[in-house]
Protein backbone atom coordinates (compact mmCIF):
# COMPACT_ATOMS: atom_id res chain seq x y z
CA MET A 1 72.68 -15.01 -5.03
CA GLN A 2 70.57 -16.67 -6.58
CA PRO A 3 70.83 -20.98 -5.68
CA LEU A 4 72.86 -21.67 -8.63
CA ASP A 5 75.63 -19.16 -7.32
CA TYR A 6 75.37 -20.74 -4.12
CA ALA A 7 75.65 -24.26 -5.09
CA ILE A 8 79.01 -23.08 -7.73
CA ILE A 9 80.08 -21.86 -3.87
CA ILE A 10 79.21 -24.76 -2.15
CA LEU A 11 81.24 -27.01 -5.12
CA PHE A 12 83.91 -25.12 -5.15
CA LEU A 13 84.79 -24.75 -1.49
CA ALA A 14 84.03 -28.72 -1.38
CA GLY A 15 86.69 -29.23 -3.96
CA ASN A 16 89.26 -27.58 -1.67
CA MET A 17 88.95 -29.00 0.92
CA MET A 18 88.46 -32.87 -0.57
CA LEU A 19 91.99 -32.58 -2.63
CA GLY A 20 94.23 -30.83 0.32
CA LEU A 21 92.19 -34.43 2.20
CA TRP A 22 93.65 -36.37 -0.01
CA GLN A 23 97.20 -35.03 -0.76
CA GLY A 24 97.93 -34.93 2.70
CA ARG A 25 98.33 -38.83 2.85
CA SER A 26 101.68 -38.38 1.39
CA ASN A 27 102.89 -36.08 3.74
CA LYS A 28 105.16 -38.25 6.16
CA GLN A 29 107.95 -35.65 7.44
CA THR A 30 108.16 -32.05 7.88
CA SER A 31 110.01 -31.43 5.08
CA ASP A 32 107.04 -32.77 3.24
CA TYR A 33 104.59 -30.95 4.75
CA PHE A 34 107.35 -27.24 4.07
CA LEU A 35 108.93 -28.07 0.84
CA GLY A 36 106.78 -30.50 -0.97
CA GLY A 37 109.38 -32.79 -1.10
CA HIS A 38 111.34 -30.64 -3.67
CA LYS A 39 109.67 -32.17 -6.52
CA LEU A 40 107.27 -29.35 -7.54
CA PRO A 41 107.10 -28.78 -10.92
CA TRP A 42 108.54 -25.29 -12.01
CA PHE A 43 105.33 -24.08 -13.73
CA ALA A 44 103.14 -25.31 -11.00
CA VAL A 45 105.76 -23.35 -8.58
CA MET A 46 105.54 -20.21 -10.92
CA LEU A 47 101.33 -19.87 -10.81
CA SER A 48 101.69 -20.05 -7.05
CA ILE A 49 103.63 -17.26 -6.90
CA VAL A 50 101.66 -15.36 -8.89
CA ALA A 51 98.64 -16.44 -7.12
CA THR A 52 99.97 -15.70 -4.28
CA GLU A 53 101.43 -11.96 -4.63
CA THR A 54 98.27 -10.91 -6.18
CA SER A 55 95.32 -12.32 -4.39
CA VAL A 56 92.24 -10.61 -3.88
CA LEU A 57 93.88 -6.86 -4.19
CA THR A 58 94.20 -7.76 -7.53
CA PHE A 59 89.93 -8.73 -7.67
CA VAL A 60 89.08 -5.84 -5.36
CA SER A 61 91.81 -2.78 -6.21
CA VAL A 62 93.43 -2.50 -9.72
CA PRO A 63 90.39 -2.44 -12.03
CA GLY A 64 89.11 0.44 -9.58
CA LEU A 65 92.65 2.15 -10.34
CA ALA A 66 91.86 1.68 -14.44
CA TYR A 67 87.95 2.98 -12.89
CA ARG A 68 89.33 6.43 -10.87
CA GLY A 69 92.60 6.70 -13.18
CA ASP A 70 94.66 5.40 -16.02
CA TRP A 71 97.16 2.46 -16.34
CA SER A 72 100.13 4.17 -14.06
CA PHE A 73 100.39 0.50 -11.81
CA LEU A 74 101.82 -1.39 -14.52
CA GLN A 75 105.01 1.02 -13.91
CA LEU A 76 105.58 -1.64 -11.41
CA ALA A 77 104.68 -4.50 -12.69
CA PHE A 78 108.01 -3.28 -15.78
CA GLY A 79 109.97 -3.32 -12.26
CA TYR A 80 109.28 -6.10 -10.29
CA ILE A 81 110.65 -8.35 -13.89
CA VAL A 82 113.44 -6.54 -13.54
CA GLY A 83 113.48 -7.63 -9.76
CA ARG A 84 113.25 -11.18 -10.28
CA ILE A 85 115.52 -11.87 -12.64
CA LEU A 86 118.15 -9.99 -10.01
CA VAL A 87 116.56 -12.41 -7.25
CA SER A 88 117.55 -15.54 -9.47
CA PHE A 89 121.13 -14.98 -9.91
CA ILE A 90 122.38 -12.79 -6.92
CA LEU A 91 120.17 -15.06 -3.91
CA LEU A 92 118.65 -17.88 -5.07
CA PRO A 93 122.15 -19.73 -5.71
CA THR A 94 123.15 -19.11 -2.21
CA TYR A 95 119.58 -20.49 -0.89
CA PHE A 96 120.16 -23.88 -3.16
CA LYS A 97 123.52 -24.11 -1.98
CA HIS A 98 123.12 -24.65 1.48
CA GLY A 99 120.08 -27.01 0.90
CA VAL A 100 117.71 -24.72 3.55
CA THR A 101 114.28 -24.90 4.84
CA SER A 102 113.62 -21.56 5.29
CA ILE A 103 116.26 -18.47 3.81
CA TYR A 104 116.51 -17.13 7.00
CA GLU A 105 118.89 -19.99 7.76
CA VAL A 106 121.31 -18.36 5.44
CA ILE A 107 121.55 -15.44 8.21
CA GLY A 108 122.08 -17.62 11.18
CA MET A 109 125.42 -19.69 9.38
CA ARG A 110 127.13 -16.15 8.96
CA PHE A 111 125.79 -14.12 12.08
CA GLY A 112 124.40 -16.41 14.54
CA HIS A 113 121.02 -17.42 15.39
CA GLY A 114 119.75 -14.66 17.24
CA ILE A 115 120.28 -12.91 14.14
CA GLN A 116 118.04 -15.90 12.14
CA LYS A 117 115.40 -15.42 14.86
CA THR A 118 115.64 -11.60 14.41
CA ALA A 119 114.86 -11.94 10.58
CA SER A 120 112.52 -14.78 11.09
CA VAL A 121 110.15 -12.65 13.24
CA ILE A 122 110.57 -9.59 11.53
CA PHE A 123 108.61 -11.43 8.59
CA LEU A 124 106.40 -13.32 11.00
CA ILE A 125 105.07 -9.44 11.72
CA THR A 126 105.11 -8.20 7.99
CA ARG A 127 103.17 -11.13 6.78
CA ILE A 128 100.76 -10.92 9.23
CA LEU A 129 99.77 -6.94 9.07
CA GLY A 130 100.35 -7.51 5.08
CA ASP A 131 97.59 -10.44 4.56
CA GLY A 132 95.64 -9.04 7.50
CA ILE A 133 94.62 -6.54 5.01
CA ARG A 134 94.03 -9.02 2.75
CA PHE A 135 91.92 -11.16 4.11
CA LEU A 136 90.40 -7.17 4.99
CA ALA A 137 90.08 -7.48 0.95
CA THR A 138 88.48 -10.21 0.60
CA GLY A 139 85.95 -9.77 3.33
CA VAL A 140 85.31 -6.82 1.84
CA VAL A 141 84.01 -8.17 -1.55
CA VAL A 142 81.95 -11.24 -0.32
CA GLN A 143 79.63 -9.21 2.09
CA ALA A 144 79.00 -7.15 -1.07
CA VAL A 145 78.11 -9.79 -3.55
CA THR A 146 76.56 -12.06 -0.87
CA GLY A 147 75.08 -9.41 1.75
CA TRP A 148 77.16 -11.64 5.07
CA PRO A 149 78.22 -10.14 7.85
CA LEU A 150 82.36 -9.52 6.87
CA SER A 151 83.36 -10.77 10.04
CA LEU A 152 81.44 -14.06 8.85
CA SER A 153 82.96 -13.79 5.12
CA VAL A 154 86.39 -13.71 6.97
CA LEU A 155 85.78 -17.01 9.36
CA VAL A 156 84.14 -19.46 6.18
CA ILE A 157 86.92 -18.52 3.79
CA GLY A 158 89.59 -18.93 6.82
CA ILE A 159 87.86 -21.88 7.98
CA VAL A 160 88.35 -23.77 4.87
CA THR A 161 91.46 -22.56 3.66
CA LEU A 162 92.73 -23.97 7.20
CA VAL A 163 91.24 -27.67 6.50
CA TYR A 164 93.09 -28.11 3.01
CA THR A 165 96.16 -26.18 3.86
CA ILE A 166 96.87 -28.08 7.26
CA SER A 167 96.37 -31.71 5.36
CA GLY A 168 98.23 -30.71 2.49
CA GLY A 169 101.45 -28.85 3.08
CA LEU A 170 103.17 -27.55 0.35
CA LYS A 171 102.21 -29.24 -2.58
CA THR A 172 98.31 -29.19 -1.88
CA VAL A 173 98.93 -25.21 -1.39
CA VAL A 174 100.94 -25.00 -4.69
CA TRP A 175 98.61 -27.27 -6.83
CA LEU A 176 95.40 -25.60 -5.39
CA ASP A 177 97.16 -22.12 -6.13
CA SER A 178 97.23 -23.27 -10.18
CA ILE A 179 94.30 -24.02 -9.89
CA GLN A 180 93.16 -20.85 -8.35
CA PHE A 181 95.07 -18.56 -11.01
CA GLY A 182 93.13 -20.18 -13.63
CA LEU A 183 89.48 -19.44 -12.41
CA TYR A 184 90.12 -15.53 -10.88
CA LEU A 185 92.40 -14.89 -14.08
CA GLY A 186 88.93 -16.44 -16.16
CA GLY A 187 86.80 -14.15 -14.24
CA GLY A 188 88.45 -11.27 -15.71
CA VAL A 189 88.21 -12.34 -19.22
CA ILE A 190 84.64 -13.11 -18.02
CA ALA A 191 84.03 -9.92 -17.32
CA ILE A 192 85.22 -8.43 -20.51
CA ALA A 193 84.19 -10.55 -22.24
CA PHE A 194 80.38 -9.82 -20.78
CA ILE A 195 80.53 -6.08 -21.07
CA LEU A 196 81.78 -6.82 -24.44
CA ALA A 197 78.52 -7.83 -25.75
CA ARG A 198 76.33 -5.97 -23.96
CA LEU A 199 77.99 -2.77 -25.36
CA ASP A 200 78.24 -5.03 -28.61
CA ALA A 201 80.91 -2.61 -30.06
CA PRO A 202 84.77 -3.32 -30.87
CA LEU A 203 86.83 -3.43 -28.03
CA PRO A 204 89.13 -0.14 -29.84
CA ASP A 205 85.97 1.78 -30.64
CA LEU A 206 85.39 0.94 -26.52
CA LEU A 207 88.31 2.34 -25.47
CA ALA A 208 89.18 5.45 -27.83
CA PRO A 209 87.58 8.14 -26.01
CA LEU A 210 89.37 6.80 -22.81
CA LEU A 211 92.82 7.47 -24.89
CA ALA A 212 91.50 10.54 -25.77
CA ALA A 213 91.39 11.52 -21.84
CA GLY A 214 94.19 10.05 -20.90
CA LYS A 215 92.13 6.97 -18.97
CA LEU A 216 95.17 4.65 -20.78
CA LYS A 217 97.98 6.13 -19.88
CA ILE A 218 100.72 3.87 -18.43
CA ILE A 219 104.01 6.17 -18.21
CA ASP A 220 103.53 8.80 -15.44
CA THR A 221 105.91 11.75 -16.34
CA ASP A 222 105.20 13.78 -13.40
CA PRO A 223 108.84 15.14 -12.14
CA HIS A 224 107.66 14.95 -8.33
CA ILE A 225 109.58 11.77 -8.17
CA PHE A 226 109.76 11.06 -4.49
CA THR A 227 105.74 12.63 -3.82
CA ASN A 228 104.21 10.98 -6.21
CA PRO A 229 104.59 6.89 -5.65
CA LEU A 230 103.37 6.10 -9.61
CA SER A 231 105.54 8.61 -11.34
CA PHE A 232 107.81 6.52 -13.45
CA VAL A 233 111.05 6.91 -12.19
CA SER A 234 109.52 6.18 -8.62
CA ALA A 235 107.67 3.34 -9.62
CA PHE A 236 109.63 1.29 -11.45
CA SER A 237 112.44 1.59 -9.49
CA GLY A 238 109.87 0.83 -6.91
CA GLY A 239 109.11 -2.24 -8.74
CA ILE A 240 112.44 -3.52 -8.70
CA LEU A 241 113.33 -3.37 -4.48
CA LEU A 242 109.78 -4.35 -4.05
CA SER A 243 110.08 -7.25 -6.21
CA LEU A 244 113.55 -7.66 -4.87
CA CYS A 245 112.16 -7.54 -1.51
CA SER A 246 108.88 -9.74 -1.52
CA HIS A 247 110.70 -13.04 -3.91
CA GLY A 248 113.87 -12.15 -2.34
CA VAL A 249 113.82 -11.88 1.53
CA ASP A 250 110.33 -13.00 2.02
CA TYR A 251 110.00 -16.57 3.04
CA LEU A 252 106.29 -16.38 1.49
CA MET A 253 107.50 -16.18 -1.65
CA VAL A 254 111.01 -17.64 -2.12
CA GLN A 255 109.82 -21.26 -0.05
CA ARG A 256 107.47 -21.65 -3.09
CA VAL A 257 111.08 -21.85 -5.43
CA LEU A 258 112.65 -23.78 -2.85
CA GLY A 259 110.07 -26.98 -3.70
CA CYS A 260 111.04 -26.89 -6.90
CA ASP A 261 114.27 -29.79 -7.81
CA GLY A 262 116.58 -27.39 -8.46
CA LEU A 263 118.18 -23.40 -9.19
CA GLY A 264 117.60 -23.96 -12.49
CA SER A 265 113.65 -24.98 -11.94
CA ALA A 266 113.77 -22.43 -9.34
CA ARG A 267 114.92 -19.58 -11.92
CA LYS A 268 112.28 -20.04 -14.39
CA ALA A 269 109.57 -20.02 -11.86
CA MET A 270 111.00 -17.25 -10.18
CA ILE A 271 110.99 -15.00 -13.65
CA ALA A 272 108.21 -16.25 -15.74
CA SER A 273 106.19 -15.08 -12.38
CA GLY A 274 107.07 -11.62 -13.63
CA VAL A 275 105.78 -11.58 -16.39
CA PHE A 276 102.92 -13.21 -16.04
CA VAL A 277 102.10 -10.35 -13.27
CA LEU A 278 102.31 -7.93 -16.34
CA PHE A 279 99.76 -9.51 -17.79
CA GLN A 280 97.16 -10.05 -15.23
CA PHE A 281 97.47 -6.47 -14.13
CA ALA A 282 97.13 -5.42 -17.36
CA LEU A 283 93.78 -7.35 -17.74
CA PHE A 284 92.55 -6.17 -14.58
CA LEU A 285 93.10 -2.81 -15.94
CA LEU A 286 91.26 -3.46 -18.76
CA ALA A 287 88.11 -4.43 -17.15
CA GLY A 288 88.03 -1.58 -14.48
CA SER A 289 88.31 0.75 -17.97
CA LEU A 290 85.66 -1.31 -19.91
CA ILE A 291 83.63 -1.26 -16.29
CA TYR A 292 84.22 2.66 -16.57
CA VAL A 293 82.58 2.04 -20.04
CA PHE A 294 79.35 0.41 -18.72
CA PHE A 295 78.72 2.31 -16.03
CA HIS A 296 79.30 5.77 -17.93
CA GLY A 297 81.59 6.45 -15.66
CA ALA A 298 78.92 6.96 -12.68
CA PRO A 299 81.38 7.63 -9.20
CA LEU A 300 81.19 3.87 -7.56
CA VAL A 301 82.23 3.61 -3.76
CA LYS A 302 86.14 3.53 -3.77
CA ASP A 303 87.36 -0.70 -4.62
CA ARG A 304 84.53 -1.92 -4.61
CA GLU A 305 83.95 -1.34 -8.52
CA PHE A 306 84.64 -4.76 -9.51
CA THR A 307 82.28 -5.83 -6.87
CA SER A 308 79.87 -3.49 -7.76
CA PHE A 309 79.60 -4.50 -11.66
CA ILE A 310 79.17 -8.49 -10.65
CA VAL A 311 76.44 -7.46 -8.12
CA ARG A 312 75.00 -4.88 -10.56
CA ALA A 313 75.70 -6.68 -13.74
CA LEU A 314 76.09 -10.05 -13.83
CA PRO A 315 73.43 -12.93 -14.40
CA ALA A 316 73.22 -16.07 -12.21
CA GLY A 317 75.84 -18.81 -12.82
CA LEU A 318 78.27 -16.14 -13.74
CA LYS A 319 77.87 -14.17 -10.55
CA GLY A 320 78.93 -17.89 -8.58
CA LEU A 321 82.02 -18.39 -11.12
CA LEU A 322 83.78 -14.61 -10.46
CA LEU A 323 82.75 -15.01 -6.55
CA ALA A 324 84.81 -18.46 -6.93
CA GLY A 325 87.70 -16.78 -8.28
CA ILE A 326 87.48 -13.80 -5.46
CA LEU A 327 87.64 -17.12 -3.02
CA SER A 328 90.41 -18.39 -5.58
CA ALA A 329 92.25 -15.49 -5.61
CA ALA A 330 92.11 -14.72 -1.61
CA MET A 331 92.78 -18.61 -0.09
CA SER A 332 95.88 -18.62 -2.37
CA THR A 333 97.19 -15.78 -0.30
CA LEU A 334 95.91 -16.95 3.48
CA ALA A 335 97.26 -20.47 2.47
CA SER A 336 100.52 -19.66 1.31
CA SER A 337 100.98 -17.72 4.28
CA ILE A 338 99.65 -20.26 7.03
CA ASN A 339 102.36 -22.69 5.55
CA SER A 340 105.20 -19.92 5.40
CA LEU A 341 104.87 -18.83 9.27
CA ALA A 342 104.56 -22.21 10.36
CA ALA A 343 107.47 -23.43 8.07
CA SER A 344 109.32 -20.39 9.44
CA THR A 345 108.69 -20.62 13.30
CA VAL A 346 109.51 -24.37 13.25
CA THR A 347 112.58 -23.77 11.47
CA ASP A 348 114.21 -21.02 12.52
CA LEU A 349 112.25 -20.18 16.37
CA ILE A 350 112.47 -23.60 17.64
CA LYS A 351 115.32 -25.36 15.67
CA GLY A 352 113.12 -28.07 13.69
CA LYS A 353 112.47 -29.28 16.81
CA ALA A 354 108.82 -29.97 16.00
CA SER A 355 107.17 -33.79 14.93
CA LEU A 356 104.32 -33.41 11.67
CA SER A 357 101.71 -33.20 13.86
CA THR A 358 103.56 -30.21 16.40
CA SER A 359 103.78 -28.47 12.28
CA ARG A 360 100.27 -28.82 11.89
CA LEU A 361 99.54 -27.26 15.60
CA ILE A 362 101.62 -24.27 14.61
CA SER A 363 99.85 -23.46 11.25
CA VAL A 364 96.25 -24.05 13.38
CA ALA A 365 97.55 -21.15 15.74
CA TRP A 366 98.98 -18.88 13.24
CA ALA A 367 95.21 -19.50 11.09
CA ALA A 368 93.61 -18.01 14.16
CA VAL A 369 96.08 -15.31 14.18
CA LEU A 370 95.07 -13.89 10.85
CA ILE A 371 91.53 -14.52 11.22
CA GLY A 372 91.51 -12.35 14.26
CA ILE A 373 93.86 -9.86 12.64
CA ALA A 374 91.04 -9.25 9.54
CA LEU A 375 88.26 -8.97 11.57
CA VAL A 376 90.00 -5.92 13.69
CA PHE A 377 91.15 -3.94 10.30
CA ASN A 378 89.22 -1.22 9.17
CA GLU A 379 89.20 0.13 5.34
CA ASN A 380 90.57 3.97 5.36
CA ASP A 381 91.17 6.65 2.99
CA LYS A 382 93.70 4.45 -0.05
CA ALA A 383 92.93 2.04 -2.02
CA ILE A 384 93.60 -1.43 -0.68
CA VAL A 385 96.51 -2.81 -3.32
CA MET A 386 98.50 0.38 -2.11
CA LEU A 387 98.23 0.03 2.02
CA GLY A 388 99.30 -3.79 1.61
CA LEU A 389 102.53 -2.67 -0.13
CA GLU A 390 102.98 0.42 1.85
CA ILE A 391 102.71 -2.66 4.97
CA ALA A 392 105.62 -4.75 3.48
CA SER A 393 107.97 -1.88 3.28
CA PHE A 394 108.40 -0.52 6.17
CA THR A 395 110.31 -3.66 7.04
CA TYR A 396 111.59 -5.21 3.39
CA GLY A 397 114.26 -3.19 3.22
CA GLY A 398 116.05 -3.98 6.75
CA LEU A 399 115.37 -7.47 5.67
CA LEU A 400 117.27 -7.02 2.41
CA GLY A 401 120.19 -4.87 3.99
CA LEU A 402 120.99 -8.03 5.86
CA PHE A 403 121.37 -10.70 3.61
CA LEU A 404 123.62 -7.88 1.71
CA LEU A 405 125.45 -7.82 4.55
CA SER A 406 125.91 -11.68 4.70
CA LYS A 407 127.78 -11.22 1.22
CA SER A 408 130.22 -9.21 2.79
CA SER A 409 133.32 -10.54 4.11
CA ARG A 410 133.15 -8.75 6.88
CA ASN A 411 132.13 -10.27 10.40
CA PHE A 412 129.91 -8.04 12.58
CA HIS A 413 128.80 -8.04 15.61
CA SER A 414 125.05 -8.71 16.82
CA THR A 415 124.68 -4.97 18.40
CA SER A 416 124.99 -3.94 15.29
CA LEU A 417 123.01 -5.37 12.92
CA ILE A 418 120.29 -5.09 15.72
CA ALA A 419 121.35 -1.27 15.39
CA GLY A 420 120.95 -1.37 11.81
CA LEU A 421 117.86 -3.45 11.32
CA LEU A 422 116.14 -0.53 14.19
CA ALA A 423 117.25 1.80 12.46
CA SER A 424 115.83 0.86 8.52
CA MET A 425 112.39 0.22 10.41
CA ALA A 426 112.73 3.83 12.58
CA VAL A 427 113.60 5.64 8.97
CA VAL A 428 110.12 4.32 7.07
CA PHE A 429 108.09 6.17 10.04
CA LEU A 430 110.39 9.38 9.70
CA LEU A 431 109.58 9.46 6.16
CA LYS A 432 105.70 8.67 5.89
CA LEU A 433 105.43 11.76 8.25
CA LEU A 434 107.64 13.91 5.44
CA GLY A 435 105.57 12.83 2.67
CA LEU A 436 108.10 10.66 0.81
CA ALA A 437 106.07 8.11 -1.80
CA TRP A 438 106.07 4.72 -0.36
CA THR A 439 108.09 3.33 -3.60
CA TRP A 440 111.73 5.38 -1.90
CA TYR A 441 110.63 3.94 1.76
CA ILE A 442 113.02 0.07 0.82
CA ALA A 443 115.97 2.28 -0.93
CA VAL A 444 116.07 4.92 1.92
CA SER A 445 116.32 1.79 4.72
CA VAL A 446 118.26 -0.92 2.69
CA THR A 447 120.79 2.49 2.96
CA THR A 448 120.14 2.82 6.13
CA ASN A 449 120.41 0.06 7.56
CA ILE A 450 123.92 -0.61 5.88
CA LEU A 451 125.33 2.46 7.56
CA THR A 452 123.74 2.12 10.46
CA THR A 453 125.39 -1.51 10.93
CA ALA A 454 128.61 -0.02 9.19
CA GLY A 455 128.71 2.73 11.61
CA VAL A 456 127.54 1.50 15.09
CA GLU A 457 130.39 -1.32 14.19
CA ALA A 458 132.85 0.98 14.22
CA LEU A 459 132.62 2.15 17.40
CA LEU A 460 132.60 -0.76 19.35
CA PRO A 461 135.46 -1.53 21.04
CA ASP A 462 136.07 -5.05 21.10
CA ARG A 463 136.44 -5.21 17.03
CA GLU A 464 136.93 -9.38 16.97
CA SER A 465 134.81 -11.41 15.34
CA PHE A 466 131.29 -12.19 17.05
CA ALA A 467 130.82 -15.75 18.74
CA ARG A 468 127.65 -17.83 17.20
CA GLU A 469 125.59 -18.63 19.46
């Protein structure tokens, strides 16, 4: 890192805080803070969704997947598009019909406030664990590029993100996400352009040996669909269900589209985000393949392929721009997580009984939790992007099953619903021990939830309608 690189990073961080403080003046009540006053344009929401879901994992892990293997990760993204179409026509109409602040209010209207709180708690646990992994990925990158201790890297990012998030609320988060999306996507373009200029060869000539070696393979025809998460059937179907859950029953993503001015805009933002994610994954896989050519396939530390390229190959200035892109990716997810955790806490757990200042204090508390979890996580032998997706798969099936049951005309006791949720999560631990690919976790857990709920309901002696709290 040279003085020019540090200057770029300092200006970037200061700019984020200044924009948050400036936009924070327009927040007068909690609906402004949590939903942007329902005045967010669909294209900004779409970019915010993409920025939030891909995060620093795209920078850290996706190029590494291409470096070490091939492009089969794209199969998940094909499923993502289908999943978002399903969300747009199955779940979003319900959310806009009831005008909810938190999507778990729909569960409360159907099954009572106790089940609503349960769904919210599951969301909160999933978010803090999943975003702890993303925070770890950020620290890994910043540490590799700057030489700072991992703890310092996490604290700097966390504090800056907290300042603009609690000041500006969802509106600031969405608009900064849009800007940050452009920054880290530009980082991938810069890396590709730099390699092409240095190697001074046409792109087809550089990729031809990789194609011959099978390192550009997209469709994985491996018949072991239940043990290989990236075989086509497993990855595509898993991508559909993962996207249906992450963008339909995970409040982190749905909160953005609830800030749109209507269902039509929300649908456009949701479906277009799937197309953009596919493009983005392809771009960073291409970067990983070109880095492989640049380093002649030399063995590099897992999940540090891209950061090794930044440190060893890029000149001053470009290095700072790439790091700004990495920080953008990290901060977009962290800011979104802080705001959605606070919104769910206020709406679902304390029934909206919180002022704007109290909501901001709750945001501070959740930021502290996320920072703390990031500091205690350790890397393991899995690609970080895979670990992040696997954590979500443990709880997503239970939540999706609950929303599907809410569309049934049949009434269920809270005992049956809780039993279904617990069984859906417990079965995932069993599946993991049995070696089933994580892309099947959601399908099995959704089925387990619905069957267990129906089975317990049939055994209960009192079949009268449950009493709402």
